[in-house]
Amino acid sequence: MSFALPAARLAPRLLGATLTVRGCTGRITETEAYAPDDPASHSFPGPTRRNAAMFGPAGHAYVYRIYGLHWCLNVVGLPGHAVLIRALEPLTGLATMQTRRGPAKALCKGPGMLAQALGITGDDDTRPFGPPDFHLALNPPETWLTGPRIGITKAADWPMRFGLPGSKYLSKPF
């Protein structure tokens, strides 16, 4: 599958994908879509130094910090489109994830926790998905949940949040 899609089409296709980062693996359970015409998107004002990865090649990472504390991992689609990986179900490397996260119950139930558990940093910005230690194995689901995005103020009610039905590994219920 090509990653060169609008974010709203790419986001549900990333659900169920297996994400491997530095020996830790998880199944993506929740995503959010952001596009250039979206006032909540970092690409809304056009290309900047901070959002340059969003206008780069599809299938690369866009990594940024929120609140000056937490890294967030996105998959770039078409220019200006990116999909935030909000949550995943941990599969392998649990001890490493727990070491990075501390004695937290929820290892990957939110974009900041997920990035911390996987060891994502700003050095991963613009990195292509593909190498063995930074890989996405796609397995799109037949059905998914759709709802409003969370944690934002602009266009929060847009139905651009996607999740795997029945997953207990969502950042918040739908």
Protein backbone atom coordinates (compact mmCIF):
# COMPACT_ATOMS: atom_id res chain seq x y z
CA MET A 1 0.00 0.00 0.00
CA SER A 2 1.17 3.48 -0.79
CA PHE A 3 1.26 6.00 2.04
CA ALA A 4 0.60 8.83 -0.47
CA LEU A 5 -3.03 9.30 0.55
CA PRO A 6 -5.12 12.03 2.16
CA ALA A 7 -4.84 11.70 5.95
CA ALA A 8 -8.53 10.82 6.34
CA ARG A 9 -8.03 7.79 4.06
CA LEU A 10 -4.63 6.80 5.45
CA ALA A 11 -5.61 6.96 9.14
CA PRO A 12 -8.04 3.99 9.19
CA ARG A 13 -5.67 1.96 6.98
CA LEU A 14 -2.95 2.27 9.62
CA LEU A 15 -5.20 0.62 12.22
CA GLY A 16 -4.09 -2.95 12.87
CA ALA A 17 -0.62 -2.23 11.46
CA THR A 18 2.35 -3.57 13.39
CA LEU A 19 4.78 -0.80 14.30
CA THR A 20 8.33 -1.80 15.22
CA VAL A 21 10.72 0.74 16.71
CA ARG A 22 14.11 -0.27 18.14
CA GLY A 23 13.09 -3.80 19.10
CA CYS A 24 9.65 -2.89 20.50
CA THR A 25 6.52 -3.82 18.58
CA GLY A 26 2.86 -2.94 18.90
CA ARG A 27 -0.39 -3.06 16.94
CA ILE A 28 -1.80 0.38 16.11
CA THR A 29 -5.25 0.72 17.71
CA GLU A 30 -6.00 4.44 17.33
CA THR A 31 -5.12 7.24 14.89
CA GLU A 32 -6.08 10.83 14.09
CA ALA A 33 -6.01 12.51 10.68
CA TYR A 34 -4.68 16.03 9.97
CA ALA A 35 -4.74 17.82 6.59
CA PRO A 36 -3.65 21.21 5.18
CA ASP A 37 -7.24 22.59 5.18
CA ASP A 38 -7.68 21.64 8.86
CA PRO A 39 -7.25 24.52 11.35
CA ALA A 40 -5.98 22.01 13.96
CA SER A 41 -3.22 20.74 11.67
CA HIS A 42 0.37 21.90 11.94
CA SER A 43 0.31 22.17 8.12
CA PHE A 44 -2.60 24.66 8.11
CA PRO A 45 -0.35 27.77 7.94
CA GLY A 46 1.75 26.20 5.18
CA PRO A 47 5.31 24.85 5.27
CA THR A 48 7.53 25.93 8.17
CA ARG A 49 10.76 24.62 9.63
CA ARG A 50 8.79 22.80 12.36
CA ASN A 51 6.34 21.04 10.01
CA ALA A 52 8.72 20.44 7.07
CA ALA A 53 8.35 16.66 7.41
CA MET A 54 4.60 16.96 6.72
CA PHE A 55 5.46 18.32 3.26
CA GLY A 56 8.14 15.71 2.64
CA PRO A 57 7.90 12.19 1.25
CA ALA A 58 4.94 9.97 2.10
CA GLY A 59 5.75 7.07 4.41
CA HIS A 60 8.11 9.12 6.55
CA ALA A 61 7.74 10.17 10.19
CA TYR A 62 6.70 13.58 11.39
CA VAL A 63 7.76 13.89 15.03
CA TYR A 64 7.11 16.93 17.19
CA ARG A 65 6.85 17.89 20.85
CA ILE A 66 3.64 18.88 22.60
CA TYR A 67 3.64 21.05 25.72
CA GLY A 68 7.44 21.02 25.49
CA LEU A 69 7.38 17.59 27.14
CA HIS A 70 6.06 14.76 24.99
CA TRP A 71 7.08 13.56 21.55
CA CYS A 72 4.33 12.57 19.10
CA LEU A 73 4.72 10.22 16.13
CA ASN A 74 2.88 10.78 12.84
CA VAL A 75 2.94 9.03 9.47
CA VAL A 76 3.13 11.42 6.50
CA GLY A 77 0.67 10.93 3.63
CA LEU A 78 0.17 13.40 0.78
CA PRO A 79 2.00 16.75 1.18
CA GLY A 80 0.61 18.50 4.25
CA HIS A 81 -1.25 15.38 5.43
CA ALA A 82 -0.19 13.38 8.49
CA VAL A 83 -1.70 10.74 10.74
CA LEU A 84 -1.03 10.88 14.47
CA ILE A 85 -0.49 7.47 16.04
CA ARG A 86 -2.56 7.86 19.23
CA ALA A 87 -2.35 4.38 20.77
CA LEU A 88 -1.12 0.85 20.27
CA GLU A 89 -1.33 -2.58 21.82
CA PRO A 90 2.14 -3.60 23.05
CA LEU A 91 3.26 -6.94 21.57
CA THR A 92 7.02 -7.35 22.06
CA GLY A 93 9.71 -5.49 23.98
CA LEU A 94 7.45 -4.96 26.99
CA ALA A 95 10.33 -4.85 29.47
CA THR A 96 12.06 -2.16 27.42
CA MET A 97 8.82 -0.16 27.14
CA GLN A 98 8.29 -0.42 30.90
CA THR A 99 11.85 0.73 31.54
CA ARG A 100 11.25 3.81 29.38
CA ARG A 101 7.79 4.54 30.85
CA GLY A 102 8.42 3.60 34.47
CA PRO A 103 5.85 1.69 36.53
CA ALA A 104 2.94 3.06 34.48
CA LYS A 105 -0.12 0.89 33.95
CA ALA A 106 -0.82 2.30 30.49
CA LEU A 107 2.22 1.83 28.30
CA CYS A 108 0.91 3.16 24.98
CA LYS A 109 -2.58 4.63 25.55
CA GLY A 110 -1.90 8.10 24.24
CA PRO A 111 0.54 9.66 21.76
CA GLY A 112 3.02 10.90 24.39
CA MET A 113 3.06 7.61 26.29
CA LEU A 114 3.41 5.66 23.05
CA ALA A 115 6.39 7.75 21.91
CA GLN A 116 8.07 7.44 25.31
CA ALA A 117 7.55 3.65 25.42
CA LEU A 118 8.98 3.26 21.90
CA GLY A 119 11.88 5.65 22.51
CA ILE A 120 10.71 8.11 19.81
CA THR A 121 12.61 11.42 19.80
CA GLY A 122 13.08 14.41 17.53
CA ASP A 123 15.88 12.47 15.83
CA ASP A 124 13.16 10.31 14.24
CA ASP A 125 11.59 13.28 12.45
CA THR A 126 11.69 12.76 8.63
CA ARG A 127 12.82 9.14 9.09
CA PRO A 128 11.37 6.70 6.53
CA PHE A 129 9.29 3.78 7.72
CA GLY A 130 10.90 0.67 6.34
CA PRO A 131 14.20 -0.14 8.03
CA PRO A 132 13.95 -3.16 10.36
CA ASP A 133 14.21 -0.97 13.48
CA PHE A 134 11.58 1.58 12.25
CA HIS A 135 8.97 -0.40 10.37
CA LEU A 136 5.23 -0.49 9.65
CA ALA A 137 3.67 -3.78 8.54
CA LEU A 138 0.20 -2.90 7.30
CA ASN A 139 -2.87 -4.99 8.02
CA PRO A 140 -5.90 -2.72 7.40
CA PRO A 141 -9.07 -3.69 9.27
CA GLU A 142 -12.42 -4.27 7.59
CA THR A 143 -14.23 -2.06 10.11
CA TRP A 144 -13.23 0.76 12.43
CA LEU A 145 -14.67 3.30 14.81
CA THR A 146 -14.84 6.98 13.87
CA GLY A 147 -15.27 9.92 16.21
CA PRO A 148 -14.18 13.42 17.09
CA ARG A 149 -10.54 14.11 17.83
CA ILE A 150 -9.37 14.68 21.39
CA GLY A 151 -6.84 16.94 23.05
CA ILE A 152 -7.28 19.85 20.61
CA THR A 153 -9.40 23.01 20.57
CA LYS A 154 -9.74 23.80 16.85
CA ALA A 155 -11.97 21.51 14.75
CA ALA A 156 -12.11 19.06 17.66
CA ASP A 157 -15.56 17.89 16.57
CA TRP A 158 -14.38 16.75 13.14
CA PRO A 159 -14.77 12.94 12.86
CA MET A 160 -11.08 12.33 12.18
CA ARG A 161 -10.25 9.96 15.03
CA PHE A 162 -10.21 6.27 14.17
CA GLY A 163 -9.99 3.17 16.36
CA LEU A 164 -10.14 -0.60 16.31
CA PRO A 165 -13.53 -1.88 17.52
CA GLY A 166 -13.32 -3.80 20.80
CA SER A 167 -9.74 -2.77 21.56
CA LYS A 168 -8.90 -2.18 25.21
CA TYR A 169 -5.81 -0.26 24.03
CA LEU A 170 -7.41 3.07 23.12
CA SER A 171 -6.39 6.39 24.67
CA LYS A 172 -10.09 7.09 25.42
CA PRO A 173 -13.30 5.27 24.60
CA PHE A 174 -15.22 6.25 21.47
